[in-house]
Amino acid sequence: PWDVMLCVSGTAIACENALVVAIICYSPALRTPMFVLVGSLATADLLAGLGLILNFVFQYVIRSETVSLLTVGFLVASFAASVSSLLAITVDRYLSLYNALTYYSERTVLCIHTMLAGAWGVSLCLGLLPVLGWNCLHDRTACSVVRPLTKSNVTLLSASFFLIFLIMLHLYIEICKIVCRHAHQIALQQHFLTASHYVTTKKGVSTLAIILGTFGASWLPFAIYCVVGDPDYPSVYTYATLLPATYNSMINPIIYAYRNQEIQRSMWVLFCGCFQAKVSFRSRSPSDV
């Protein structure tokens, strides 16, 4: 049942994110750095969903240790790219606020592409490690709670996640400070503090808390269990912590794509052809939360 749930989860993830990728590729207006990052996240989650489906197929339909090892490496690379893309989006949001005057420049575009190239390169390397021999197919005592990954392999992955989570936490705290400071400065310029400023600031901070809280609640249990868990523990513990981690890839399109007005308009144009905006598309700053 757990494997079936993971397969169903992977199917939902693949469908959701395939739609986001199609919309971004279909709409020429969605070519700003923000949507490039969202497209990278959707692509990584799409691959993760396909990986969950393939893992189920090769586990129950076509049994092969070699192919199973490839699918596990594919999953590691996809989820690593998803988490890395989330970090890149956080960095982009911070830069859009910290360097607001110079954000829309060629330097920003180069920075975004460099971040994505680095994120996907590191993710690919992490995915290749078990395929290139860092596995426990021939040494069962070295297995971790996630077979066929070794204990040292999952420890490396968990440590990388904890580092990324701490960086995101620090950046979101800085973003909250900047948002609150900007709201206060605007209010002072108007010589009074209105309730709307407090509402806007509270809404922005709450949104950031939801984003980080969702990410942490999805991945932290699995990352912690990978470090403290023992391969002799019942496999249900691994499934119970891994399944919520996959839900993060299911929630990402809702948080980063479907709530965006430009993507909503593109969806109408793509599926209905009956909605035509009277004004040109204007991509919002990634600092809009």
C-alpha atoms as a PDB file:
ATOM      1  CA  PRO A   1       0.000   0.000   0.000  1.00  0.00           C
ATOM      2  CA  TRP A   2       2.798   2.434   0.744  1.00  0.00           C
ATOM      3  CA  ASP A   3       4.384   1.863  -2.658  1.00  0.00           C
ATOM      4  CA  VAL A   4       0.994   2.353  -4.308  1.00  0.00           C
ATOM      5  CA  MET A   5       0.559   5.631  -2.407  1.00  0.00           C
ATOM      6  CA  LEU A   6       3.995   6.780  -3.567  1.00  0.00           C
ATOM      7  CA  CYS A   7       3.079   5.887  -7.160  1.00  0.00           C
ATOM      8  CA  VAL A   8      -0.214   7.777  -6.910  1.00  0.00           C
ATOM      9  CA  SER A   9       1.627  10.712  -5.369  1.00  0.00           C
ATOM     10  CA  GLY A  10       4.155  10.621  -8.214  1.00  0.00           C
ATOM     11  CA  THR A  11       1.352  10.631 -10.791  1.00  0.00           C
ATOM     12  CA  ALA A  12      -0.263  13.690  -9.211  1.00  0.00           C
ATOM     13  CA  ILE A  13       3.105  15.441  -8.980  1.00  0.00           C
ATOM     14  CA  ALA A  14       3.923  14.710 -12.628  1.00  0.00           C
ATOM     15  CA  CYS A  15       0.541  15.974 -13.878  1.00  0.00           C
ATOM     16  CA  GLU A  16       0.616  19.172 -11.817  1.00  0.00           C
ATOM     17  CA  ASN A  17       4.137  20.150 -12.770  1.00  0.00           C
ATOM     18  CA  ALA A  18       3.817  19.099 -16.420  1.00  0.00           C
ATOM     19  CA  LEU A  19       1.053  21.688 -16.700  1.00  0.00           C
ATOM     20  CA  VAL A  20       3.297  24.381 -15.204  1.00  0.00           C
ATOM     21  CA  VAL A  21       6.153  23.510 -17.567  1.00  0.00           C
ATOM     22  CA  ALA A  22       3.774  23.561 -20.550  1.00  0.00           C
ATOM     23  CA  ILE A  23       2.374  26.966 -19.559  1.00  0.00           C
ATOM     24  CA  ILE A  24       5.816  28.530 -19.131  1.00  0.00           C
ATOM     25  CA  CYS A  25       7.045  27.085 -22.434  1.00  0.00           C
ATOM     26  CA  TYR A  26       3.833  28.134 -24.210  1.00  0.00           C
ATOM     27  CA  SER A  27       3.798  31.762 -23.027  1.00  0.00           C
ATOM     28  CA  PRO A  28       6.532  34.054 -24.434  1.00  0.00           C
ATOM     29  CA  ALA A  29       5.668  36.605 -21.731  1.00  0.00           C
ATOM     30  CA  LEU A  30       6.903  34.223 -19.021  1.00  0.00           C
ATOM     31  CA  ARG A  31      10.600  34.624 -19.726  1.00  0.00           C
ATOM     32  CA  THR A  32      11.699  36.672 -16.716  1.00  0.00           C
ATOM     33  CA  PRO A  33      14.214  35.316 -14.172  1.00  0.00           C
ATOM     34  CA  MET A  34      11.411  34.582 -11.722  1.00  0.00           C
ATOM     35  CA  PHE A  35       9.604  32.279 -14.161  1.00  0.00           C
ATOM     36  CA  VAL A  36      12.861  30.651 -15.241  1.00  0.00           C
ATOM     37  CA  LEU A  37      13.330  29.628 -11.606  1.00  0.00           C
ATOM     38  CA  VAL A  38       9.723  28.468 -11.303  1.00  0.00           C
ATOM     39  CA  GLY A  39      10.194  26.470 -14.496  1.00  0.00           C
ATOM     40  CA  SER A  40      13.328  24.869 -13.055  1.00  0.00           C
ATOM     41  CA  LEU A  41      11.417  23.911  -9.894  1.00  0.00           C
ATOM     42  CA  ALA A  42       8.507  22.508 -11.916  1.00  0.00           C
ATOM     43  CA  THR A  43      10.876  20.526 -14.144  1.00  0.00           C
ATOM     44  CA  ALA A  44      12.652  19.018 -11.136  1.00  0.00           C
ATOM     45  CA  ASP A  45       9.347  18.095  -9.484  1.00  0.00           C
ATOM     46  CA  LEU A  46       8.047  16.670 -12.767  1.00  0.00           C
ATOM     47  CA  LEU A  47      11.100  14.424 -13.003  1.00  0.00           C
ATOM     48  CA  ALA A  48      10.660  13.426  -9.358  1.00  0.00           C
ATOM     49  CA  GLY A  49       7.066  12.412 -10.055  1.00  0.00           C
ATOM     50  CA  LEU A  50       8.130  10.365 -13.064  1.00  0.00           C
ATOM     51  CA  GLY A  51      10.864   8.804 -10.948  1.00  0.00           C
ATOM     52  CA  LEU A  52       8.336   7.652  -8.346  1.00  0.00           C
ATOM     53  CA  ILE A  53       6.250   6.040 -11.083  1.00  0.00           C
ATOM     54  CA  LEU A  54       9.280   4.335 -12.666  1.00  0.00           C
ATOM     55  CA  ASN A  55      10.469   3.119  -9.285  1.00  0.00           C
ATOM     56  CA  PHE A  56       7.105   1.428  -8.725  1.00  0.00           C
ATOM     57  CA  VAL A  57       7.132  -0.142 -12.198  1.00  0.00           C
ATOM     58  CA  PHE A  58      10.659  -1.520 -11.905  1.00  0.00           C
ATOM     59  CA  GLN A  59      10.027  -2.732  -8.373  1.00  0.00           C
ATOM     60  CA  TYR A  60       6.915  -4.768  -9.120  1.00  0.00           C
ATOM     61  CA  VAL A  61       6.704  -5.218 -12.882  1.00  0.00           C
ATOM     62  CA  ILE A  62      10.281  -5.415 -14.169  1.00  0.00           C
ATOM     63  CA  ARG A  63      12.536  -6.621 -11.377  1.00  0.00           C
ATOM     64  CA  SER A  64      16.163  -5.627 -11.880  1.00  0.00           C
ATOM     65  CA  GLU A  65      18.689  -4.434  -9.305  1.00  0.00           C
ATOM     66  CA  THR A  66      20.606  -2.423 -11.898  1.00  0.00           C
ATOM     67  CA  VAL A  67      17.534  -0.637 -13.224  1.00  0.00           C
ATOM     68  CA  SER A  68      16.259  -0.116  -9.677  1.00  0.00           C
ATOM     69  CA  LEU A  69      19.584   1.518  -8.807  1.00  0.00           C
ATOM     70  CA  LEU A  70      19.219   3.836 -11.793  1.00  0.00           C
ATOM     71  CA  THR A  71      15.723   4.883 -10.717  1.00  0.00           C
ATOM     72  CA  VAL A  72      16.923   5.571  -7.165  1.00  0.00           C
ATOM     73  CA  GLY A  73      19.737   7.735  -8.541  1.00  0.00           C
ATOM     74  CA  PHE A  74      17.198   9.475 -10.778  1.00  0.00           C
ATOM     75  CA  LEU A  75      14.994  10.185  -7.749  1.00  0.00           C
ATOM     76  CA  VAL A  76      17.918  11.508  -5.700  1.00  0.00           C
ATOM     77  CA  ALA A  77      18.952  13.863  -8.517  1.00  0.00           C
ATOM     78  CA  SER A  78      15.364  15.067  -9.102  1.00  0.00           C
ATOM     79  CA  PHE A  79      14.544  15.787  -5.468  1.00  0.00           C
ATOM     80  CA  ALA A  80      17.957  17.396  -4.970  1.00  0.00           C
ATOM     81  CA  ALA A  81      17.263  19.659  -7.970  1.00  0.00           C
ATOM     82  CA  SER A  82      13.841  20.516  -6.512  1.00  0.00           C
ATOM     83  CA  VAL A  83      15.310  21.537  -3.146  1.00  0.00           C
ATOM     84  CA  SER A  84      18.133  23.432  -4.875  1.00  0.00           C
ATOM     85  CA  SER A  85      15.613  25.291  -7.059  1.00  0.00           C
ATOM     86  CA  LEU A  86      13.714  26.317  -3.932  1.00  0.00           C
ATOM     87  CA  LEU A  87      16.959  27.736  -2.549  1.00  0.00           C
ATOM     88  CA  ALA A  88      17.572  29.587  -5.835  1.00  0.00           C
ATOM     89  CA  ILE A  89      14.057  31.092  -5.679  1.00  0.00           C
ATOM     90  CA  THR A  90      14.722  32.250  -2.116  1.00  0.00           C
ATOM     91  CA  VAL A  91      18.026  33.852  -3.132  1.00  0.00           C
ATOM     92  CA  ASP A  92      16.283  35.528  -6.064  1.00  0.00           C
ATOM     93  CA  ARG A  93      13.569  36.961  -3.805  1.00  0.00           C
ATOM     94  CA  TYR A  94      16.183  38.300  -1.439  1.00  0.00           C
ATOM     95  CA  LEU A  95      18.198  39.917  -4.250  1.00  0.00           C
ATOM     96  CA  SER A  96      15.069  41.486  -5.752  1.00  0.00           C
ATOM     97  CA  LEU A  97      14.510  43.322  -2.471  1.00  0.00           C
ATOM     98  CA  TYR A  98      18.098  43.963  -1.439  1.00  0.00           C
ATOM     99  CA  ASN A  99      19.170  45.207  -4.906  1.00  0.00           C
ATOM    100  CA  ALA A 100      15.818  46.458  -6.162  1.00  0.00           C
ATOM    101  CA  LEU A 101      17.310  49.189  -8.380  1.00  0.00           C
ATOM    102  CA  THR A 102      19.657  46.883 -10.276  1.00  0.00           C
ATOM    103  CA  TYR A 103      17.585  43.701 -10.187  1.00  0.00           C
ATOM    104  CA  TYR A 104      16.228  43.958 -13.764  1.00  0.00           C
ATOM    105  CA  SER A 105      19.601  43.825 -15.506  1.00  0.00           C
ATOM    106  CA  GLU A 106      21.707  41.448 -17.558  1.00  0.00           C
ATOM    107  CA  ARG A 107      23.788  40.723 -14.471  1.00  0.00           C
ATOM    108  CA  THR A 108      20.734  39.308 -12.707  1.00  0.00           C
ATOM    109  CA  VAL A 109      19.942  37.035 -15.650  1.00  0.00           C
ATOM    110  CA  LEU A 110      23.538  35.759 -15.653  1.00  0.00           C
ATOM    111  CA  CYS A 111      23.378  35.211 -11.887  1.00  0.00           C
ATOM    112  CA  ILE A 112      20.130  33.222 -12.206  1.00  0.00           C
ATOM    113  CA  HIS A 113      21.481  30.985 -14.951  1.00  0.00           C
ATOM    114  CA  THR A 114      24.705  30.437 -13.003  1.00  0.00           C
ATOM    115  CA  MET A 115      22.754  29.440  -9.892  1.00  0.00           C
ATOM    116  CA  LEU A 116      20.598  27.019 -11.855  1.00  0.00           C
ATOM    117  CA  ALA A 117      23.583  25.494 -13.639  1.00  0.00           C
ATOM    118  CA  GLY A 118      25.309  24.950 -10.308  1.00  0.00           C
ATOM    119  CA  ALA A 119      22.156  23.547  -8.674  1.00  0.00           C
ATOM    120  CA  TRP A 120      21.484  21.053 -11.457  1.00  0.00           C
ATOM    121  CA  GLY A 121      25.160  20.109 -11.702  1.00  0.00           C
ATOM    122  CA  VAL A 122      25.418  19.306  -7.988  1.00  0.00           C
ATOM    123  CA  SER A 123      22.081  17.451  -8.091  1.00  0.00           C
ATOM    124  CA  LEU A 124      23.248  15.337 -11.016  1.00  0.00           C
ATOM    125  CA  CYS A 125      26.444  14.453  -9.153  1.00  0.00           C
ATOM    126  CA  LEU A 126      24.458  13.421  -6.068  1.00  0.00           C
ATOM    127  CA  GLY A 127      22.242  11.241  -8.241  1.00  0.00           C
ATOM    128  CA  LEU A 128      25.221   9.573  -9.912  1.00  0.00           C
ATOM    129  CA  LEU A 129      26.914   8.609  -6.628  1.00  0.00           C
ATOM    130  CA  PRO A 130      24.832   5.460  -5.999  1.00  0.00           C
ATOM    131  CA  VAL A 131      25.046   4.483  -9.661  1.00  0.00           C
ATOM    132  CA  LEU A 132      28.835   4.819  -9.679  1.00  0.00           C
ATOM    133  CA  GLY A 133      29.237   2.482  -6.716  1.00  0.00           C
ATOM    134  CA  TRP A 134      28.158   4.292  -3.557  1.00  0.00           C
ATOM    135  CA  ASN A 135      25.493   1.692  -2.780  1.00  0.00           C
ATOM    136  CA  CYS A 136      24.988  -1.351  -0.583  1.00  0.00           C
ATOM    137  CA  LEU A 137      24.023  -3.962  -3.173  1.00  0.00           C
ATOM    138  CA  HIS A 138      27.055  -6.058  -2.251  1.00  0.00           C
ATOM    139  CA  ASP A 139      27.326  -5.103   1.425  1.00  0.00           C
ATOM    140  CA  ARG A 140      24.013  -5.242   3.275  1.00  0.00           C
ATOM    141  CA  THR A 141      25.607  -4.055   6.520  1.00  0.00           C
ATOM    142  CA  ALA A 142      26.311  -0.650   4.925  1.00  0.00           C
ATOM    143  CA  CYS A 143      22.662  -0.086   3.959  1.00  0.00           C
ATOM    144  CA  SER A 144      20.718   2.866   5.276  1.00  0.00           C
ATOM    145  CA  VAL A 145      16.989   3.214   5.894  1.00  0.00           C
ATOM    146  CA  VAL A 146      16.706   3.927   2.162  1.00  0.00           C
ATOM    147  CA  ARG A 147      18.010   0.892   0.315  1.00  0.00           C
ATOM    148  CA  PRO A 148      20.216   0.661  -1.715  1.00  0.00           C
ATOM    149  CA  LEU A 149      21.760   3.927  -0.489  1.00  0.00           C
ATOM    150  CA  THR A 150      24.536   3.622   2.075  1.00  0.00           C
ATOM    151  CA  LYS A 151      24.488   5.265   5.498  1.00  0.00           C
ATOM    152  CA  SER A 152      27.222   7.699   4.501  1.00  0.00           C
ATOM    153  CA  ASN A 153      25.294   8.608   1.346  1.00  0.00           C
ATOM    154  CA  VAL A 154      22.052   9.492   3.142  1.00  0.00           C
ATOM    155  CA  THR A 155      24.065  11.315   5.827  1.00  0.00           C
ATOM    156  CA  LEU A 156      25.576  13.493   3.090  1.00  0.00           C
ATOM    157  CA  LEU A 157      22.146  14.139   1.580  1.00  0.00           C
ATOM    158  CA  SER A 158      20.637  14.984   4.980  1.00  0.00           C
ATOM    159  CA  ALA A 159      23.523  17.309   5.869  1.00  0.00           C
ATOM    160  CA  SER A 160      23.091  19.090   2.528  1.00  0.00           C
ATOM    161  CA  PHE A 161      19.381  19.515   3.223  1.00  0.00           C
ATOM    162  CA  PHE A 162      19.981  20.903   6.721  1.00  0.00           C
ATOM    163  CA  LEU A 163      22.458  23.415   5.274  1.00  0.00           C
ATOM    164  CA  ILE A 164      20.003  24.522   2.576  1.00  0.00           C
ATOM    165  CA  PHE A 165      17.189  24.794   5.134  1.00  0.00           C
ATOM    166  CA  LEU A 166      19.304  26.998   7.421  1.00  0.00           C
ATOM    167  CA  ILE A 167      20.299  29.244   4.504  1.00  0.00           C
ATOM    168  CA  MET A 168      16.655  29.594   3.450  1.00  0.00           C
ATOM    169  CA  LEU A 169      15.631  30.327   7.041  1.00  0.00           C
ATOM    170  CA  HIS A 170      18.274  33.067   7.302  1.00  0.00           C
ATOM    171  CA  LEU A 171      17.292  34.614   3.952  1.00  0.00           C
ATOM    172  CA  TYR A 172      13.578  34.598   4.766  1.00  0.00           C
ATOM    173  CA  ILE A 173      14.286  36.315   8.090  1.00  0.00           C
ATOM    174  CA  GLU A 174      16.235  38.982   6.195  1.00  0.00           C
ATOM    175  CA  ILE A 175      13.386  39.279   3.667  1.00  0.00           C
ATOM    176  CA  CYS A 176      10.904  39.804   6.517  1.00  0.00           C
ATOM    177  CA  LYS A 177      13.109  42.546   7.949  1.00  0.00           C
ATOM    178  CA  ILE A 178      13.328  44.303   4.576  1.00  0.00           C
ATOM    179  CA  VAL A 179       9.563  44.016   3.979  1.00  0.00           C
ATOM    180  CA  CYS A 180       8.760  45.420   7.415  1.00  0.00           C
ATOM    181  CA  ARG A 181      11.276  48.238   6.987  1.00  0.00           C
ATOM    182  CA  HIS A 182       9.912  49.188   3.558  1.00  0.00           C
ATOM    183  CA  ALA A 183       6.328  49.198   4.834  1.00  0.00           C
ATOM    184  CA  HIS A 184       7.316  51.408   7.756  1.00  0.00           C
ATOM    185  CA  GLN A 185       9.211  53.845   5.504  1.00  0.00           C
ATOM    186  CA  ILE A 186       6.235  54.150   3.155  1.00  0.00           C
ATOM    187  CA  ALA A 187       3.969  54.807   6.093  1.00  0.00           C
ATOM    188  CA  LEU A 188       6.281  57.519   7.468  1.00  0.00           C
ATOM    189  CA  GLN A 189       6.431  59.212   4.072  1.00  0.00           C
ATOM    190  CA  GLN A 190       2.655  59.465   4.161  1.00  0.00           C
ATOM    191  CA  HIS A 191       2.934  60.892   7.704  1.00  0.00           C
ATOM    192  CA  PHE A 192       0.712  58.270   9.269  1.00  0.00           C
ATOM    193  CA  LEU A 193       0.523  54.551   9.871  1.00  0.00           C
ATOM    194  CA  THR A 194      -2.621  53.099   8.352  1.00  0.00           C
ATOM    195  CA  ALA A 195      -4.093  49.729   9.129  1.00  0.00           C
ATOM    196  CA  SER A 196      -3.509  48.656   5.528  1.00  0.00           C
ATOM    197  CA  HIS A 197       0.253  48.855   5.994  1.00  0.00           C
ATOM    198  CA  TYR A 198       0.091  46.538   8.958  1.00  0.00           C
ATOM    199  CA  VAL A 199      -2.226  44.183   7.076  1.00  0.00           C
ATOM    200  CA  THR A 200       0.062  44.101   4.036  1.00  0.00           C
ATOM    201  CA  THR A 201       3.158  43.517   6.130  1.00  0.00           C
ATOM    202  CA  LYS A 202       1.450  40.817   8.180  1.00  0.00           C
ATOM    203  CA  LYS A 203       0.214  39.112   5.028  1.00  0.00           C
ATOM    204  CA  GLY A 204       3.689  39.102   3.470  1.00  0.00           C
ATOM    205  CA  VAL A 205       5.356  37.733   6.591  1.00  0.00           C
ATOM    206  CA  SER A 206       2.623  35.098   6.990  1.00  0.00           C
ATOM    207  CA  THR A 207       3.098  33.959   3.386  1.00  0.00           C
ATOM    208  CA  LEU A 208       6.839  33.583   3.897  1.00  0.00           C
ATOM    209  CA  ALA A 209       6.204  31.612   7.095  1.00  0.00           C
ATOM    210  CA  ILE A 210       3.804  29.302   5.251  1.00  0.00           C
ATOM    211  CA  ILE A 211       6.331  28.727   2.446  1.00  0.00           C
ATOM    212  CA  LEU A 212       9.188  27.881   4.802  1.00  0.00           C
ATOM    213  CA  GLY A 213       6.938  25.972   7.189  1.00  0.00           C
ATOM    214  CA  THR A 214       5.579  23.789   4.389  1.00  0.00           C
ATOM    215  CA  PHE A 215       9.079  23.049   3.143  1.00  0.00           C
ATOM    216  CA  GLY A 216      10.351  22.190   6.618  1.00  0.00           C
ATOM    217  CA  ALA A 217       7.332  20.111   7.608  1.00  0.00           C
ATOM    218  CA  SER A 218       7.641  18.086   4.400  1.00  0.00           C
ATOM    219  CA  TRP A 219      11.349  17.313   4.430  1.00  0.00           C
ATOM    220  CA  LEU A 220      12.626  17.627   8.008  1.00  0.00           C
ATOM    221  CA  PRO A 221      11.082  14.358   9.339  1.00  0.00           C
ATOM    222  CA  PHE A 222      12.615  12.333   6.514  1.00  0.00           C
ATOM    223  CA  ALA A 223      16.014  14.060   6.760  1.00  0.00           C
ATOM    224  CA  ILE A 224      16.166  13.522  10.519  1.00  0.00           C
ATOM    225  CA  TYR A 225      15.076   9.894  10.239  1.00  0.00           C
ATOM    226  CA  CYS A 226      17.777   9.237   7.631  1.00  0.00           C
ATOM    227  CA  VAL A 227      20.373  10.284  10.217  1.00  0.00           C
ATOM    228  CA  VAL A 228      18.980   8.645  13.358  1.00  0.00           C
ATOM    229  CA  GLY A 229      17.165   5.671  11.792  1.00  0.00           C
ATOM    230  CA  ASP A 230      18.511   2.150  11.624  1.00  0.00           C
ATOM    231  CA  PRO A 231      18.016  -0.195   8.633  1.00  0.00           C
ATOM    232  CA  ASP A 232      16.675  -2.831  11.042  1.00  0.00           C
ATOM    233  CA  TYR A 233      13.721  -0.596  11.902  1.00  0.00           C
ATOM    234  CA  PRO A 234      10.396  -1.464  10.233  1.00  0.00           C
ATOM    235  CA  SER A 235      10.201  -0.079   6.700  1.00  0.00           C
ATOM    236  CA  VAL A 236       6.902   1.606   7.578  1.00  0.00           C
ATOM    237  CA  TYR A 237       8.924   4.312   9.364  1.00  0.00           C
ATOM    238  CA  THR A 238      10.776   5.119   6.159  1.00  0.00           C
ATOM    239  CA  TYR A 239       7.559   5.268   4.136  1.00  0.00           C
ATOM    240  CA  ALA A 240       5.796   7.366   6.795  1.00  0.00           C
ATOM    241  CA  THR A 241       8.501  10.045   6.581  1.00  0.00           C
ATOM    242  CA  LEU A 242       9.184   9.773   2.837  1.00  0.00           C
ATOM    243  CA  LEU A 243       5.558  10.191   1.743  1.00  0.00           C
ATOM    244  CA  PRO A 244       5.165  13.702   3.291  1.00  0.00           C
ATOM    245  CA  ALA A 245       8.442  14.693   1.595  1.00  0.00           C
ATOM    246  CA  THR A 246       6.897  13.906  -1.789  1.00  0.00           C
ATOM    247  CA  TYR A 247       3.937  16.122  -0.919  1.00  0.00           C
ATOM    248  CA  ASN A 248       6.280  19.119  -1.059  1.00  0.00           C
ATOM    249  CA  SER A 249       6.618  18.582  -4.808  1.00  0.00           C
ATOM    250  CA  MET A 250       2.825  18.435  -4.979  1.00  0.00           C
ATOM    251  CA  ILE A 251       2.414  21.708  -3.077  1.00  0.00           C
ATOM    252  CA  ASN A 252       5.176  23.632  -4.881  1.00  0.00           C
ATOM    253  CA  PRO A 253       3.116  24.331  -8.058  1.00  0.00           C
ATOM    254  CA  ILE A 254       0.298  25.744  -5.928  1.00  0.00           C
ATOM    255  CA  ILE A 255       2.604  28.063  -3.977  1.00  0.00           C
ATOM    256  CA  TYR A 256       4.946  29.205  -6.735  1.00  0.00           C
ATOM    257  CA  ALA A 257       2.902  28.884  -9.945  1.00  0.00           C
ATOM    258  CA  TYR A 258      -0.876  28.640  -9.767  1.00  0.00           C
ATOM    259  CA  ARG A 259      -1.190  31.615  -7.394  1.00  0.00           C
ATOM    260  CA  ASN A 260       0.586  33.857  -9.911  1.00  0.00           C
ATOM    261  CA  GLN A 261      -1.721  36.066 -12.000  1.00  0.00           C
ATOM    262  CA  GLU A 262       0.386  35.793 -15.166  1.00  0.00           C
ATOM    263  CA  ILE A 263       0.285  31.996 -15.058  1.00  0.00           C
ATOM    264  CA  GLN A 264      -3.447  32.065 -14.349  1.00  0.00           C
ATOM    265  CA  ARG A 265      -3.985  34.204 -17.453  1.00  0.00           C
ATOM    266  CA  SER A 266      -1.795  31.922 -19.526  1.00  0.00           C
ATOM    267  CA  MET A 267      -3.833  28.945 -18.345  1.00  0.00           C
ATOM    268  CA  TRP A 268      -7.009  30.580 -19.627  1.00  0.00           C
ATOM    269  CA  VAL A 269      -5.372  31.332 -22.968  1.00  0.00           C
ATOM    270  CA  LEU A 270      -3.901  27.823 -23.229  1.00  0.00           C
ATOM    271  CA  PHE A 271      -7.063  25.885 -22.385  1.00  0.00           C
ATOM    272  CA  CYS A 272      -9.954  28.151 -23.292  1.00  0.00           C
ATOM    273  CA  GLY A 273      -8.635  30.686 -25.758  1.00  0.00           C
ATOM    274  CA  CYS A 274     -11.454  32.885 -24.564  1.00  0.00           C
ATOM    275  CA  PHE A 275      -9.509  35.165 -22.274  1.00  0.00           C
ATOM    276  CA  GLN A 276      -7.504  37.966 -23.793  1.00  0.00           C
ATOM    277  CA  ALA A 277      -5.881  40.489 -21.516  1.00  0.00           C
ATOM    278  CA  LYS A 278      -6.424  44.079 -22.607  1.00  0.00           C
ATOM    279  CA  VAL A 279      -3.036  45.000 -21.240  1.00  0.00           C
ATOM    280  CA  SER A 280       0.313  43.396 -21.876  1.00  0.00           C
ATOM    281  CA  PHE A 281       1.683  40.885 -19.429  1.00  0.00           C
ATOM    282  CA  ARG A 282       3.780  42.354 -16.689  1.00  0.00           C
ATOM    283  CA  SER A 283       5.764  39.898 -14.628  1.00  0.00           C
ATOM    284  CA  ARG A 284       5.630  40.761 -10.985  1.00  0.00           C
ATOM    285  CA  SER A 285       8.795  41.010  -8.979  1.00  0.00           C
ATOM    286  CA  PRO A 286       9.743  37.817  -7.204  1.00  0.00           C
ATOM    287  CA  SER A 287       9.581  39.833  -4.010  1.00  0.00           C
ATOM    288  CA  ASP A 288       5.766  39.811  -4.348  1.00  0.00           C
ATOM    289  CA  VAL A 289       4.652  37.303  -1.750  1.00  0.00           C
END
